[in-house]
Amino acid sequence: MIKKNIIQYLLLIALVILSIFFYKKYIETDKDVSQKQSEIQKKYENPVNEENDETSNTIENLKYVSKDLLGNTYIITAQSAEIEENKVDRVQLVEVLAKIIQQDDEIIYINSNFADYNKINNNTVFRDKVNVMYGDQSIYANIISLDFSKNLIEIQEEVYFKNKNAKIKADKIELNFENKKLKISMDKQDDKVEIVSKY
């Protein structure tokens, strides 16, 4: 009698296990398949929303960080950015802040209202109310071109340079950000660089 009861219990347990296995294998799988089918169907029913997401080329709060072979780190952030349709490597930035952190931990800060940034070589053209600051030097201009292949910052249009000893107005300033050498010039040979100093 006891053996019969044990056998019945074992058969009952086996039946329960088989039922659970059958349920998981076939019924739940059918539910997953139908759920996936309904998701796919929704995507096909609303193709406009999906397409809008893919074609949207405006990015908010963008940040790029890169490091060159000399150990300089370039960080550029923008409030918003737009990628040109046919030029994926170029990004148009708005409300831009950039900094070049050099090996000796000296930092060059650049900010502007707009900038054109190249994602491949990191070269950047800053436009509209541009400002460069490093140490006690400040430079203001309309356009600043940053060229990493030449380690050069080219500053143009209504250039105004100042530090604690001097104020300079010129058409163009070139700053080598590796050795910090400045070259100040005018577009026309007859025009002269204006310098006000405290010597």
Protein backbone atom coordinates (compact mmCIF):
# COMPACT_ATOMS: atom_id res chain seq x y z
CA MET A 1 0.00 0.00 0.00
CA ILE A 2 2.82 2.39 0.91
CA LYS A 3 4.65 1.52 -2.34
CA LYS A 4 1.47 2.31 -4.31
CA ASN A 5 1.22 5.72 -2.63
CA ILE A 6 4.89 6.51 -3.32
CA ILE A 7 4.47 5.53 -6.98
CA GLN A 8 1.32 7.69 -7.25
CA TYR A 9 3.14 10.68 -5.71
CA LEU A 10 6.09 10.22 -8.06
CA LEU A 11 3.76 10.02 -11.07
CA LEU A 12 1.94 13.16 -9.88
CA ILE A 13 5.24 15.06 -9.48
CA ALA A 14 6.37 13.88 -12.93
CA LEU A 15 3.04 15.06 -14.40
CA VAL A 16 3.42 18.51 -12.80
CA ILE A 17 7.02 18.82 -14.10
CA LEU A 18 5.94 17.79 -17.60
CA SER A 19 3.06 20.28 -17.52
CA ILE A 20 5.41 23.13 -16.52
CA PHE A 21 7.88 22.13 -19.23
CA PHE A 22 5.12 21.97 -21.88
CA TYR A 23 3.77 25.39 -20.82
CA LYS A 24 7.20 27.08 -20.94
CA LYS A 25 8.23 25.43 -24.19
CA TYR A 26 5.13 26.01 -26.30
CA ILE A 27 2.64 28.44 -24.76
CA GLU A 28 5.13 31.13 -23.56
CA THR A 29 7.07 30.91 -26.84
CA ASP A 30 3.85 31.60 -28.74
CA LYS A 31 3.25 34.67 -26.53
CA ASP A 32 6.78 36.00 -27.23
CA VAL A 33 6.35 35.46 -30.97
CA SER A 34 2.99 37.24 -31.04
CA GLN A 35 4.41 40.11 -28.95
CA LYS A 36 7.34 40.53 -31.35
CA GLN A 37 4.97 40.41 -34.31
CA SER A 38 2.80 43.16 -32.81
CA GLU A 39 5.92 45.34 -32.19
CA ILE A 40 7.03 44.92 -35.80
CA GLN A 41 3.52 45.67 -36.99
CA LYS A 42 3.45 48.91 -34.96
CA LYS A 43 6.72 50.00 -36.57
CA TYR A 44 5.28 49.44 -40.02
CA GLU A 45 2.04 51.21 -39.11
CA ASN A 46 3.94 54.30 -37.86
CA PRO A 47 6.90 54.67 -40.22
CA VAL A 48 6.94 58.48 -39.94
CA ASN A 49 8.03 58.53 -36.29
CA GLU A 50 10.83 56.05 -36.92
CA GLU A 51 12.06 57.97 -39.94
CA ASN A 52 12.04 61.26 -38.08
CA ASP A 53 14.29 59.81 -35.40
CA GLU A 54 16.79 58.59 -37.97
CA THR A 55 16.88 61.76 -40.08
CA SER A 56 17.10 64.12 -37.13
CA ASN A 57 20.57 65.67 -37.34
CA THR A 58 20.49 68.04 -34.35
CA ILE A 59 22.28 67.02 -31.15
CA GLU A 60 21.91 68.73 -27.78
CA ASN A 61 24.77 69.16 -25.25
CA LEU A 62 27.54 67.70 -27.38
CA LYS A 63 31.07 66.90 -26.15
CA TYR A 64 34.12 65.66 -28.08
CA VAL A 65 37.37 64.61 -26.41
CA SER A 66 40.56 63.70 -28.28
CA LYS A 67 44.28 63.32 -27.57
CA ASP A 68 47.14 63.95 -30.00
CA LEU A 69 50.55 62.26 -30.31
CA LEU A 70 52.22 65.03 -28.28
CA GLY A 71 49.97 64.28 -25.30
CA ASN A 72 47.71 67.33 -25.68
CA THR A 73 44.04 66.77 -24.87
CA TYR A 74 41.39 68.68 -26.84
CA ILE A 75 37.92 68.99 -25.34
CA ILE A 76 35.13 70.79 -27.17
CA THR A 77 31.56 71.17 -25.90
CA ALA A 78 28.53 72.83 -27.46
CA GLN A 79 25.00 73.62 -26.41
CA SER A 80 23.77 72.16 -29.69
CA ALA A 81 25.20 70.76 -32.92
CA GLU A 82 24.02 70.00 -36.41
CA ILE A 83 25.58 67.44 -38.75
CA GLU A 84 25.62 68.39 -42.43
CA GLU A 85 23.71 65.87 -44.57
CA ASN A 86 26.44 65.15 -47.13
CA LYS A 87 29.40 65.82 -44.81
CA VAL A 88 29.16 63.44 -41.86
CA ASP A 89 32.66 64.32 -40.63
CA ARG A 90 31.73 68.02 -40.22
CA VAL A 91 29.63 69.35 -37.35
CA GLN A 92 28.24 72.87 -36.93
CA LEU A 93 28.31 73.85 -33.25
CA VAL A 94 26.41 76.52 -31.31
CA GLU A 95 27.53 78.15 -27.99
CA VAL A 96 30.97 76.58 -28.03
CA LEU A 97 33.55 76.09 -25.26
CA ALA A 98 36.87 74.41 -26.02
CA LYS A 99 40.11 73.78 -24.19
CA ILE A 100 43.51 72.42 -25.11
CA ILE A 101 45.15 70.79 -22.09
CA GLN A 102 48.87 70.50 -22.75
CA GLN A 103 51.45 68.07 -21.36
CA ASP A 104 52.68 70.68 -18.89
CA ASP A 105 49.04 71.09 -17.68
CA GLU A 106 48.83 74.60 -19.17
CA ILE A 107 45.35 75.15 -20.62
CA ILE A 108 44.28 77.25 -23.62
CA TYR A 109 40.57 78.19 -23.47
CA ILE A 110 38.56 79.12 -26.56
CA ASN A 111 34.89 80.11 -26.69
CA SER A 112 32.59 81.43 -29.41
CA ASN A 113 28.98 81.65 -30.50
CA PHE A 114 29.49 79.25 -33.42
CA ALA A 115 32.09 76.79 -34.73
CA ASP A 116 32.69 74.35 -37.59
CA TYR A 117 34.28 71.17 -36.22
CA ASN A 118 35.95 68.40 -38.22
CA LYS A 119 35.58 65.05 -36.42
CA ILE A 120 38.42 63.40 -38.35
CA ASN A 121 41.31 65.83 -37.70
CA ASN A 122 39.71 67.95 -34.88
CA ASN A 123 40.41 71.18 -36.82
CA THR A 124 37.92 73.83 -35.76
CA VAL A 125 36.90 77.25 -37.07
CA PHE A 126 35.36 79.40 -34.32
CA ARG A 127 33.12 82.29 -35.42
CA ASP A 128 31.34 85.26 -33.86
CA LYS A 129 32.52 86.80 -30.57
CA VAL A 130 35.53 84.53 -30.24
CA ASN A 131 37.83 84.65 -27.23
CA VAL A 132 41.13 82.85 -26.50
CA MET A 133 42.62 82.82 -23.00
CA TYR A 134 45.88 81.30 -21.78
CA GLY A 135 47.85 82.37 -18.74
CA ASP A 136 47.31 86.13 -18.35
CA GLN A 137 46.79 86.63 -22.12
CA SER A 138 43.39 87.28 -23.72
CA ILE A 139 42.65 87.56 -27.44
CA TYR A 140 39.32 88.63 -28.97
CA ALA A 141 38.40 88.31 -32.67
CA ASN A 142 35.67 87.39 -35.16
CA ILE A 143 37.32 84.22 -36.52
CA ILE A 144 39.76 81.75 -35.00
CA SER A 145 41.04 78.73 -36.93
CA LEU A 146 42.55 75.87 -34.97
CA ASP A 147 44.82 73.60 -37.04
CA PHE A 148 46.20 70.57 -35.16
CA SER A 149 48.46 69.42 -38.02
CA LYS A 150 50.41 72.71 -37.68
CA ASN A 151 49.87 73.19 -33.91
CA LEU A 152 48.57 76.61 -34.90
CA ILE A 153 45.78 78.95 -33.81
CA GLU A 154 45.14 81.59 -36.50
CA ILE A 155 43.18 84.62 -35.23
CA GLN A 156 41.61 87.04 -37.73
CA GLU A 157 39.27 90.03 -38.14
CA GLU A 158 39.17 92.79 -35.54
CA VAL A 159 41.84 91.19 -33.39
CA TYR A 160 42.40 92.62 -29.94
CA PHE A 161 45.14 91.19 -27.72
CA LYS A 162 45.78 92.13 -24.11
CA ASN A 163 47.86 91.07 -21.14
CA LYS A 164 48.99 92.88 -17.98
CA ASN A 165 51.68 94.83 -19.89
CA ALA A 166 50.18 95.62 -23.30
CA LYS A 167 47.10 96.04 -25.50
CA ILE A 168 47.41 95.31 -29.22
CA LYS A 169 45.06 95.80 -32.19
CA ALA A 170 45.89 93.94 -35.39
CA ASP A 171 44.38 92.15 -38.40
CA LYS A 172 45.93 88.78 -37.68
CA ILE A 173 47.65 86.87 -34.88
CA GLU A 174 49.17 83.42 -35.19
CA LEU A 175 49.75 81.49 -31.98
CA ASN A 176 51.78 78.28 -31.99
CA PHE A 177 50.24 76.39 -29.09
CA GLU A 178 53.26 74.08 -28.78
CA ASN A 179 55.89 76.78 -28.10
CA LYS A 180 53.48 79.73 -27.34
CA LYS A 181 55.14 81.99 -29.95
CA LEU A 182 53.00 84.85 -31.28
CA LYS A 183 53.17 86.39 -34.74
CA ILE A 184 51.19 89.65 -35.07
CA SER A 185 50.58 91.22 -38.50
CA MET A 186 48.35 93.44 -40.65
CA ASP A 187 46.72 92.45 -43.95
CA LYS A 188 48.09 95.53 -45.75
CA GLN A 189 51.79 96.39 -45.53
CA ASP A 190 51.05 100.11 -45.11
CA ASP A 191 48.85 99.53 -42.04
CA LYS A 192 50.52 99.42 -38.65
CA VAL A 193 49.85 97.28 -35.60
CA GLU A 194 48.51 99.44 -32.71
CA ILE A 195 50.30 98.80 -29.43
CA VAL A 196 49.61 100.41 -26.06
CA SER A 197 52.08 99.31 -23.38
CA LYS A 198 52.78 100.08 -19.72
CA TYR A 199 56.58 100.22 -19.99
